[in-house]
């Protein structure tokens, strides 16, 4: 079964939105990088939920890279 990129994105978004406290741990690194890029482009237009998702993604990516 071949999945399209749209269905993969939809599945990842569903995974992110349905997880609890550690929602970013199960997201692949490439998805975190893309999420950070997308949410950082026009941060002024982000909702509070998107700003929180951006902070969580940045924390998780820094943790994976061994930064504080």
C-alpha atoms as a PDB file:
ATOM      1  CA  UNK A   1       0.000   0.000   0.000  1.00  0.00           C
ATOM      2  CA  UNK A   2       1.459   3.339  -1.048  1.00  0.00           C
ATOM      3  CA  UNK A   3       0.546   6.345   1.076  1.00  0.00           C
ATOM      4  CA  UNK A   4       0.453   9.847  -0.303  1.00  0.00           C
ATOM      5  CA  UNK A   5       2.231  12.672   1.469  1.00  0.00           C
ATOM      6  CA  UNK A   6      -1.135  14.248   2.279  1.00  0.00           C
ATOM      7  CA  UNK A   7      -2.342  11.138   4.072  1.00  0.00           C
ATOM      8  CA  UNK A   8       0.939  10.929   5.996  1.00  0.00           C
ATOM      9  CA  UNK A   9       0.635  14.575   7.062  1.00  0.00           C
ATOM     10  CA  UNK A  10      -2.968  14.016   8.097  1.00  0.00           C
ATOM     11  CA  UNK A  11      -2.013  10.962  10.154  1.00  0.00           C
ATOM     12  CA  UNK A  12       0.853  12.833  11.843  1.00  0.00           C
ATOM     13  CA  UNK A  13      -1.373  15.788  12.658  1.00  0.00           C
ATOM     14  CA  UNK A  14      -3.993  13.450  14.099  1.00  0.00           C
ATOM     15  CA  UNK A  15      -1.289  11.741  16.172  1.00  0.00           C
ATOM     16  CA  UNK A  16       0.015  15.075  17.470  1.00  0.00           C
ATOM     17  CA  UNK A  17      -3.430  16.390  18.365  1.00  0.00           C
ATOM     18  CA  UNK A  18      -4.615  13.240  20.129  1.00  0.00           C
ATOM     19  CA  UNK A  19      -1.576  12.533  22.281  1.00  0.00           C
ATOM     20  CA  UNK A  20      -1.377  13.686  25.876  1.00  0.00           C
ATOM     21  CA  UNK A  21       1.516  15.313  27.708  1.00  0.00           C
ATOM     22  CA  UNK A  22       4.310  13.645  25.715  1.00  0.00           C
ATOM     23  CA  UNK A  23       2.766  14.240  22.317  1.00  0.00           C
ATOM     24  CA  UNK A  24       6.005  15.272  20.615  1.00  0.00           C
ATOM     25  CA  UNK A  25       8.009  12.176  21.588  1.00  0.00           C
ATOM     26  CA  UNK A  26       6.290  10.022  18.979  1.00  0.00           C
ATOM     27  CA  UNK A  27       6.674  12.541  16.129  1.00  0.00           C
ATOM     28  CA  UNK A  28       9.576  11.856  13.746  1.00  0.00           C
ATOM     29  CA  UNK A  29      12.435  14.367  13.741  1.00  0.00           C
ATOM     30  CA  UNK A  30      11.832  15.354  10.127  1.00  0.00           C
ATOM     31  CA  UNK A  31       8.218  16.185  10.991  1.00  0.00           C
ATOM     32  CA  UNK A  32       9.328  18.319  13.954  1.00  0.00           C
ATOM     33  CA  UNK A  33      11.722  20.271  11.726  1.00  0.00           C
ATOM     34  CA  UNK A  34       8.991  20.860   9.142  1.00  0.00           C
ATOM     35  CA  UNK A  35       6.483  21.830  11.831  1.00  0.00           C
ATOM     36  CA  UNK A  36       8.891  24.367  13.322  1.00  0.00           C
ATOM     37  CA  UNK A  37       9.581  25.859   9.888  1.00  0.00           C
ATOM     38  CA  UNK A  38       5.891  26.114   9.037  1.00  0.00           C
ATOM     39  CA  UNK A  39       4.844  27.623  12.362  1.00  0.00           C
ATOM     40  CA  UNK A  40       7.760  30.079  12.391  1.00  0.00           C
ATOM     41  CA  UNK A  41       7.104  31.640   8.991  1.00  0.00           C
ATOM     42  CA  UNK A  42       4.296  33.955  10.152  1.00  0.00           C
ATOM     43  CA  UNK A  43       4.312  33.499  13.914  1.00  0.00           C
ATOM     44  CA  UNK A  44       2.162  36.616  14.339  1.00  0.00           C
ATOM     45  CA  UNK A  45      -0.765  34.766  12.762  1.00  0.00           C
ATOM     46  CA  UNK A  46      -0.479  31.692  15.008  1.00  0.00           C
ATOM     47  CA  UNK A  47      -3.226  30.810  17.450  1.00  0.00           C
ATOM     48  CA  UNK A  48      -2.268  30.176  21.092  1.00  0.00           C
ATOM     49  CA  UNK A  49      -2.478  26.418  20.418  1.00  0.00           C
ATOM     50  CA  UNK A  50      -0.100  26.725  17.480  1.00  0.00           C
ATOM     51  CA  UNK A  51       2.320  28.811  19.564  1.00  0.00           C
ATOM     52  CA  UNK A  52       2.279  26.103  22.240  1.00  0.00           C
ATOM     53  CA  UNK A  53       2.832  23.419  19.584  1.00  0.00           C
ATOM     54  CA  UNK A  54       5.788  25.431  18.253  1.00  0.00           C
ATOM     55  CA  UNK A  55       7.348  25.685  21.733  1.00  0.00           C
ATOM     56  CA  UNK A  56       6.789  21.978  22.388  1.00  0.00           C
ATOM     57  CA  UNK A  57       8.332  21.017  19.034  1.00  0.00           C
ATOM     58  CA  UNK A  58      11.361  23.243  19.658  1.00  0.00           C
ATOM     59  CA  UNK A  59      11.880  21.754  23.136  1.00  0.00           C
ATOM     60  CA  UNK A  60      11.636  18.191  21.816  1.00  0.00           C
ATOM     61  CA  UNK A  61      14.003  18.882  18.922  1.00  0.00           C
ATOM     62  CA  UNK A  62      16.546  20.491  21.254  1.00  0.00           C
ATOM     63  CA  UNK A  63      16.238  17.499  23.570  1.00  0.00           C
ATOM     64  CA  UNK A  64      16.908  15.117  20.689  1.00  0.00           C
ATOM     65  CA  UNK A  65      19.937  17.123  19.618  1.00  0.00           C
ATOM     66  CA  UNK A  66      21.312  17.038  23.152  1.00  0.00           C
ATOM     67  CA  UNK A  67      20.839  20.717  23.827  1.00  0.00           C
ATOM     68  CA  UNK A  68      19.359  22.200  26.940  1.00  0.00           C
END
